[in-house]
Amino acid sequence: MATRKSAAFACAVLTAAAISAFTAAPASAAPVCPGAGQPTAVVASLPGTALEGLTVDAAGRAFVTDLVSGQVFRIDAPGAPAVPIARVPSGGAGALAWLPDGRLLVGYGADARVIVGDTVRSAGIVTVDPNTGAVAPFAAGLSAADGMDVAHDGTVYATNDFGSLVGRVYPNGAVQADWANFPSANGAVLNRDDSYLYVSRTFVNPGVSRIPTDAPWAPQSLLDLSGGDFLAAPDGLTLDSVERPVLPFNPSGQVVRVDAPGQYCVLGFGPQMTSEVQYGRGGQGFSAGRLFGITFTGLVYEIPGGFDPDARTAAP
């Protein structure tokens, strides 16, 4: 266990260091989105954790994963304590997503193994009962599961921000670890009809792309940050109600929205090392329309400037 914890912690430190290497003085400041820019607010704190995954269930309860301990935590409402409910079997708890039947998917192997993930493919996914914490195997043999989403038919997509392989798990359980070859895909969210998988590009050609699910060899770039016009290192993303990508710039904590190809604006200024943003769900707690973020420093916070009454946590 100590070895796994050390490896997971090393990965979190490595991730932070690698992301920091991308920071640069902005050539031009992005505008604040109309009606946005309000102060962000911390709604939960998990000291000693490096939070990697975030999602919300239909009851408005938030779930987060910790790279360091491999644990999954449930937070019943903003301001409530985080309760550990499960631990992944192989360290490096990563992305979260929902199956159509309501089971929670949790990626593992999002620790130091991501560096050689394309070669050894030791990552996988488990299911977790969101109420009891019961863990069951789901899929193995993936490069990583740093980002993950599920199509309406139960097909699962999983990414590796340090590698090049995007994996696909079919409804019959078959695993295709090399469904797409896309360097440094981070985060993963499908649009409403599952025709595109949206990903951030973190360490290679930073920006945002969408990958056609019927043509993974033909990705489309929506935002290119490699020119140094702002802080690079986009991290885990989501979509708003009109399918605009919403994402954090990890080093600075700025949360932005891509309004059109090559155009983005700032929704809010969150804590540094923000690893993912996600909309809420349901009518209470972490409710629908509210935008939340998590950090590698163990914080969960709200971005009021991102409020979108029709936006929801990604779920099939």
Protein backbone atom coordinates (compact mmCIF):
# COMPACT_ATOMS: atom_id res chain seq x y z
CA MET A 1 0.00 0.00 0.00
CA ALA A 2 2.82 2.42 0.82
CA THR A 3 4.32 1.82 -2.60
CA ARG A 4 1.03 2.58 -4.32
CA LYS A 5 0.54 5.72 -2.29
CA SER A 6 4.06 6.88 -3.07
CA ALA A 7 3.54 6.24 -6.76
CA ALA A 8 0.23 8.09 -6.77
CA PHE A 9 1.70 11.02 -4.88
CA ALA A 10 4.69 11.10 -7.22
CA CYS A 11 2.30 11.23 -10.16
CA ALA A 12 0.39 14.13 -8.63
CA VAL A 13 3.63 16.02 -8.04
CA LEU A 14 4.84 15.14 -11.53
CA THR A 15 1.58 16.33 -13.03
CA ALA A 16 1.78 19.63 -11.17
CA ALA A 17 5.39 20.12 -12.15
CA ALA A 18 4.75 19.27 -15.78
CA ILE A 19 1.78 21.61 -15.92
CA SER A 20 3.77 24.40 -14.28
CA ALA A 21 6.35 24.08 -17.02
CA PHE A 22 3.71 25.26 -19.48
CA THR A 23 2.97 28.51 -17.69
CA ALA A 24 3.94 31.64 -19.55
CA ALA A 25 3.13 35.31 -19.42
CA PRO A 26 -0.03 35.91 -21.43
CA ALA A 27 0.35 37.75 -24.70
CA SER A 28 -3.20 39.04 -24.34
CA ALA A 29 -5.81 38.66 -21.62
CA ALA A 30 -8.97 36.79 -22.51
CA PRO A 31 -12.18 38.76 -21.94
CA VAL A 32 -14.54 37.91 -19.11
CA CYS A 33 -17.68 36.24 -20.43
CA PRO A 34 -20.75 38.53 -20.36
CA GLY A 35 -22.37 38.35 -16.93
CA ALA A 36 -19.52 36.25 -15.48
CA GLY A 37 -16.40 36.91 -13.40
CA GLN A 38 -17.99 36.70 -9.91
CA PRO A 39 -15.73 35.45 -7.07
CA THR A 40 -15.44 31.70 -6.69
CA ALA A 41 -16.18 30.03 -3.34
CA VAL A 42 -14.73 26.92 -1.69
CA VAL A 43 -17.52 24.49 -0.75
CA ALA A 44 -15.44 21.53 0.52
CA SER A 45 -11.87 20.83 1.54
CA LEU A 46 -10.09 17.47 1.67
CA PRO A 47 -6.61 18.16 3.12
CA GLY A 48 -3.84 15.92 1.85
CA THR A 49 -5.67 14.85 -1.29
CA ALA A 50 -4.99 15.46 -4.98
CA LEU A 51 -8.45 15.50 -6.53
CA GLU A 52 -8.68 14.14 -10.06
CA GLY A 53 -12.30 13.16 -10.77
CA LEU A 54 -15.61 14.93 -10.12
CA THR A 55 -19.23 14.06 -10.87
CA VAL A 56 -22.69 14.55 -9.35
CA ASP A 57 -25.59 12.09 -9.05
CA ALA A 58 -29.30 12.71 -9.58
CA ALA A 59 -29.72 13.48 -5.86
CA GLY A 60 -27.21 16.34 -6.06
CA ARG A 61 -24.42 14.49 -4.24
CA ALA A 62 -20.87 15.13 -5.45
CA PHE A 63 -18.26 12.40 -5.81
CA VAL A 64 -14.52 13.04 -6.07
CA THR A 65 -11.44 10.84 -6.42
CA ASP A 66 -8.02 11.15 -4.81
CA LEU A 67 -4.88 10.29 -6.76
CA VAL A 68 -2.87 9.88 -3.55
CA SER A 69 -4.96 7.37 -1.59
CA GLY A 70 -7.02 5.88 -4.41
CA GLN A 71 -10.19 6.71 -2.48
CA VAL A 72 -13.59 7.84 -3.69
CA PHE A 73 -15.36 10.42 -1.51
CA ARG A 74 -19.01 11.45 -1.42
CA ILE A 75 -20.07 14.98 -0.42
CA ASP A 76 -23.81 15.20 0.15
CA ALA A 77 -24.10 18.98 -0.29
CA PRO A 78 -21.88 22.07 -0.44
CA GLY A 79 -20.44 22.59 3.04
CA ALA A 80 -20.97 18.97 4.09
CA PRO A 81 -18.01 16.78 5.07
CA ALA A 82 -16.43 14.46 2.52
CA VAL A 83 -17.08 10.80 3.37
CA PRO A 84 -14.80 8.08 1.97
CA ILE A 85 -16.98 5.38 0.41
CA ALA A 86 -14.61 3.23 -1.65
CA ARG A 87 -11.04 2.66 -2.75
CA VAL A 88 -9.95 1.52 -6.20
CA PRO A 89 -8.12 -1.83 -6.24
CA SER A 90 -4.96 -0.73 -7.97
CA GLY A 91 -4.16 2.85 -6.94
CA GLY A 92 -4.39 6.17 -8.73
CA ALA A 93 -8.13 6.86 -8.59
CA GLY A 94 -8.97 8.95 -11.65
CA ALA A 95 -12.00 9.82 -13.72
CA LEU A 96 -15.65 9.33 -12.77
CA ALA A 97 -18.65 8.64 -14.99
CA TRP A 98 -22.12 7.09 -14.85
CA LEU A 99 -23.49 3.96 -16.48
CA PRO A 100 -27.05 4.07 -17.81
CA ASP A 101 -28.18 1.87 -14.89
CA GLY A 102 -26.90 4.40 -12.32
CA ARG A 103 -23.70 2.67 -11.29
CA LEU A 104 -20.69 4.92 -10.77
CA LEU A 105 -17.61 4.18 -12.88
CA VAL A 106 -14.20 4.93 -11.36
CA GLY A 107 -10.98 4.82 -13.33
CA TYR A 108 -7.79 3.53 -11.75
CA GLY A 109 -4.14 3.66 -12.78
CA ALA A 110 -4.09 7.48 -12.99
CA ASP A 111 -0.82 7.49 -11.04
CA ALA A 112 2.80 7.24 -12.21
CA ARG A 113 1.81 4.41 -14.55
CA VAL A 114 0.27 6.89 -16.96
CA ILE A 115 3.78 7.67 -18.21
CA VAL A 116 4.08 4.17 -19.71
CA GLY A 117 0.36 3.55 -20.01
CA ASP A 118 0.34 3.12 -23.78
CA THR A 119 2.90 0.32 -23.42
CA VAL A 120 1.85 -1.60 -20.30
CA ARG A 121 -1.90 -0.81 -20.29
CA SER A 122 -2.28 -1.55 -16.60
CA ALA A 123 -5.15 0.86 -15.97
CA GLY A 124 -8.81 -0.04 -15.74
CA ILE A 125 -12.27 0.80 -14.45
CA VAL A 126 -14.38 -0.45 -11.56
CA THR A 127 -18.01 0.14 -10.65
CA VAL A 128 -18.95 1.62 -7.28
CA ASP A 129 -22.39 1.58 -5.72
CA PRO A 130 -22.85 5.28 -4.82
CA ASN A 131 -24.85 4.38 -1.70
CA THR A 132 -23.00 1.39 -0.23
CA GLY A 133 -19.55 1.84 -1.75
CA ALA A 134 -19.48 -1.74 -3.01
CA VAL A 135 -16.75 -2.14 -5.65
CA ALA A 136 -16.84 -4.54 -8.62
CA PRO A 137 -14.51 -4.98 -11.62
CA PHE A 138 -15.64 -3.52 -14.94
CA ALA A 139 -12.75 -3.28 -17.44
CA ALA A 140 -8.96 -3.68 -17.57
CA GLY A 141 -6.15 -3.26 -20.08
CA LEU A 142 -6.50 0.49 -20.67
CA SER A 143 -3.70 3.02 -21.05
CA ALA A 144 -5.32 5.19 -18.36
CA ALA A 145 -8.66 6.62 -17.27
CA ASP A 146 -7.80 10.25 -16.52
CA GLY A 147 -10.91 11.33 -18.39
CA MET A 148 -14.02 9.23 -18.97
CA ASP A 149 -17.56 9.44 -20.30
CA VAL A 150 -20.32 7.02 -21.27
CA ALA A 151 -22.54 6.99 -24.35
CA HIS A 152 -26.27 6.29 -24.20
CA ASP A 153 -25.69 2.68 -25.25
CA GLY A 154 -23.17 2.13 -22.43
CA THR A 155 -19.99 2.52 -24.50
CA VAL A 156 -17.23 3.98 -22.31
CA TYR A 157 -14.37 6.23 -23.45
CA ALA A 158 -11.19 6.73 -21.38
CA THR A 159 -8.17 9.02 -21.93
CA ASN A 160 -4.51 9.36 -20.89
CA ASP A 161 -3.11 12.89 -20.69
CA PHE A 162 0.50 11.60 -20.55
CA GLY A 163 0.01 9.09 -23.39
CA SER A 164 -1.56 8.94 -26.83
CA LEU A 165 -4.20 6.22 -26.58
CA VAL A 166 -7.89 6.84 -26.05
CA GLY A 167 -9.61 3.61 -25.02
CA ARG A 168 -13.10 2.36 -25.68
CA VAL A 169 -15.05 -0.24 -23.70
CA TYR A 170 -18.01 -1.69 -25.57
CA PRO A 171 -21.35 -2.59 -23.97
CA ASN A 172 -20.42 -6.30 -24.21
CA GLY A 173 -17.30 -5.64 -22.11
CA ALA A 174 -14.75 -5.80 -24.94
CA VAL A 175 -11.86 -3.38 -24.43
CA GLN A 176 -10.24 -1.53 -27.33
CA ALA A 177 -7.32 0.27 -25.70
CA ASP A 178 -6.26 1.94 -28.96
CA TRP A 179 -9.61 3.17 -30.28
CA ALA A 180 -7.98 6.54 -31.05
CA ASN A 181 -4.43 7.82 -31.12
CA PHE A 182 -4.56 11.35 -29.75
CA PRO A 183 -1.60 12.72 -27.75
CA SER A 184 -2.33 14.11 -24.27
CA ALA A 185 -6.12 13.85 -24.32
CA ASN A 186 -7.34 14.99 -20.91
CA GLY A 187 -10.90 14.91 -19.67
CA ALA A 188 -13.61 13.37 -21.82
CA VAL A 189 -17.18 14.44 -22.43
CA LEU A 190 -19.63 13.38 -25.12
CA ASN A 191 -22.10 15.73 -26.71
CA ARG A 192 -25.83 15.12 -26.53
CA ASP A 193 -26.08 12.68 -29.44
CA ASP A 194 -22.72 10.97 -28.75
CA SER A 195 -21.35 12.08 -32.13
CA TYR A 196 -18.28 13.80 -30.65
CA LEU A 197 -15.94 13.13 -27.75
CA TYR A 198 -14.59 16.46 -26.48
CA VAL A 199 -11.14 16.44 -24.87
CA SER A 200 -8.62 18.93 -23.58
CA ARG A 201 -5.05 18.76 -24.86
CA THR A 202 -2.77 19.30 -21.89
CA PHE A 203 0.90 18.64 -22.58
CA VAL A 204 1.07 18.33 -26.38
CA ASN A 205 -0.19 21.25 -28.49
CA PRO A 206 -2.34 22.60 -25.62
CA GLY A 207 -5.94 23.34 -26.48
CA VAL A 208 -9.33 21.70 -26.97
CA SER A 209 -10.47 19.22 -29.62
CA ARG A 210 -13.46 17.10 -30.45
CA ILE A 211 -13.09 13.58 -31.84
CA PRO A 212 -15.87 12.22 -34.10
CA THR A 213 -16.95 8.92 -32.54
CA ASP A 214 -17.49 7.44 -36.01
CA ALA A 215 -14.16 8.78 -37.34
CA PRO A 216 -11.58 8.89 -34.49
CA TRP A 217 -8.79 9.40 -37.04
CA ALA A 218 -10.16 12.87 -37.90
CA PRO A 219 -10.14 15.05 -34.74
CA GLN A 220 -11.16 18.69 -34.99
CA SER A 221 -9.32 21.41 -33.06
CA LEU A 222 -11.52 24.01 -31.39
CA LEU A 223 -8.88 25.96 -29.46
CA ASP A 224 -5.12 26.25 -29.94
CA LEU A 225 -3.09 27.64 -27.04
CA SER A 226 0.36 26.59 -28.22
CA GLY A 227 1.12 30.13 -29.37
CA GLY A 228 1.42 31.29 -25.76
CA ASP A 229 -1.52 33.72 -25.86
CA PHE A 230 -2.49 32.53 -22.36
CA LEU A 231 -1.60 29.93 -19.76
CA ALA A 232 -1.58 26.52 -21.38
CA ALA A 233 -2.38 23.16 -19.72
CA PRO A 234 -6.16 22.87 -20.15
CA ASP A 235 -7.53 20.17 -17.83
CA GLY A 236 -10.73 18.15 -17.32
CA LEU A 237 -13.63 19.70 -19.20
CA THR A 238 -17.39 19.62 -19.52
CA LEU A 239 -20.02 21.07 -21.87
CA ASP A 240 -22.62 23.70 -21.12
CA SER A 241 -26.25 23.42 -22.24
CA VAL A 242 -25.47 24.55 -25.80
CA GLU A 243 -22.43 22.25 -26.06
CA ARG A 244 -19.72 24.84 -25.56
CA PRO A 245 -16.61 23.41 -23.86
CA VAL A 246 -16.02 24.68 -20.32
CA LEU A 247 -12.62 23.95 -18.80
CA PRO A 248 -9.93 25.12 -16.37
CA PHE A 249 -6.42 26.27 -17.15
CA ASN A 250 -4.77 24.17 -14.46
CA PRO A 251 -1.80 26.36 -13.37
CA SER A 252 -3.79 29.57 -12.99
CA GLY A 253 -7.17 28.18 -12.00
CA GLN A 254 -8.95 30.30 -14.58
CA VAL A 255 -12.12 28.65 -15.85
CA VAL A 256 -12.97 29.46 -19.45
CA ARG A 257 -15.64 28.77 -22.04
CA VAL A 258 -14.94 28.17 -25.72
CA ASP A 259 -17.60 30.15 -27.58
CA ALA A 260 -16.43 29.41 -31.13
CA PRO A 261 -13.35 27.91 -32.76
CA GLY A 262 -10.39 29.95 -31.55
CA GLN A 263 -12.51 32.14 -29.25
CA TYR A 264 -12.86 31.83 -25.49
CA CYS A 265 -13.75 33.94 -22.47
CA VAL A 266 -13.26 33.68 -18.70
CA LEU A 267 -16.10 32.49 -16.45
CA GLY A 268 -14.20 32.81 -13.19
CA PHE A 269 -10.87 32.79 -11.40
CA GLY A 270 -10.51 29.71 -9.23
CA PRO A 271 -7.65 28.26 -7.15
CA GLN A 272 -4.45 27.20 -8.83
CA MET A 273 -4.04 23.56 -9.88
CA THR A 274 -7.69 23.15 -10.87
CA SER A 275 -7.94 19.67 -12.39
CA GLU A 276 -11.58 19.46 -13.55
CA VAL A 277 -14.85 21.37 -13.72
CA GLN A 278 -18.31 19.83 -13.80
CA TYR A 279 -21.91 20.99 -13.63
CA GLY A 280 -24.24 19.87 -10.86
CA ARG A 281 -27.33 17.71 -11.14
CA GLY A 282 -30.73 17.41 -9.50
CA GLY A 283 -32.69 19.99 -7.55
CA GLN A 284 -30.70 20.12 -4.31
CA GLY A 285 -27.13 19.96 -3.01
CA PHE A 286 -24.72 20.27 -5.93
CA SER A 287 -27.72 21.15 -8.05
CA ALA A 288 -28.16 21.43 -11.79
CA GLY A 289 -26.89 24.57 -13.46
CA ARG A 290 -24.18 25.26 -10.89
CA LEU A 291 -20.56 24.86 -12.00
CA PHE A 292 -17.98 23.32 -9.66
CA GLY A 293 -14.25 22.70 -9.82
CA ILE A 294 -11.70 20.55 -7.98
CA THR A 295 -7.98 21.00 -7.39
CA PHE A 296 -4.82 18.98 -6.85
CA THR A 297 -4.69 20.74 -3.45
CA GLY A 298 -7.89 19.09 -2.19
CA LEU A 299 -10.43 21.87 -2.75
CA VAL A 300 -13.92 21.73 -4.20
CA TYR A 301 -15.23 25.13 -5.23
CA GLU A 302 -18.10 26.80 -7.09
CA ILE A 303 -17.78 29.10 -10.11
CA PRO A 304 -20.93 31.31 -10.00
CA GLY A 305 -19.99 32.94 -13.31
CA GLY A 306 -20.51 29.60 -15.02
CA PHE A 307 -24.11 29.15 -13.91
CA ASP A 308 -26.24 27.71 -16.72
CA PRO A 309 -29.75 26.62 -15.61
CA ASP A 310 -29.97 23.99 -18.33
CA ALA A 311 -26.52 22.44 -17.86
CA ARG A 312 -26.09 19.06 -16.16
CA THR A 313 -23.41 16.63 -15.12
CA ALA A 314 -22.54 14.36 -18.03
CA ALA A 315 -24.66 11.19 -17.75
CA PRO A 316 -26.15 8.88 -20.38
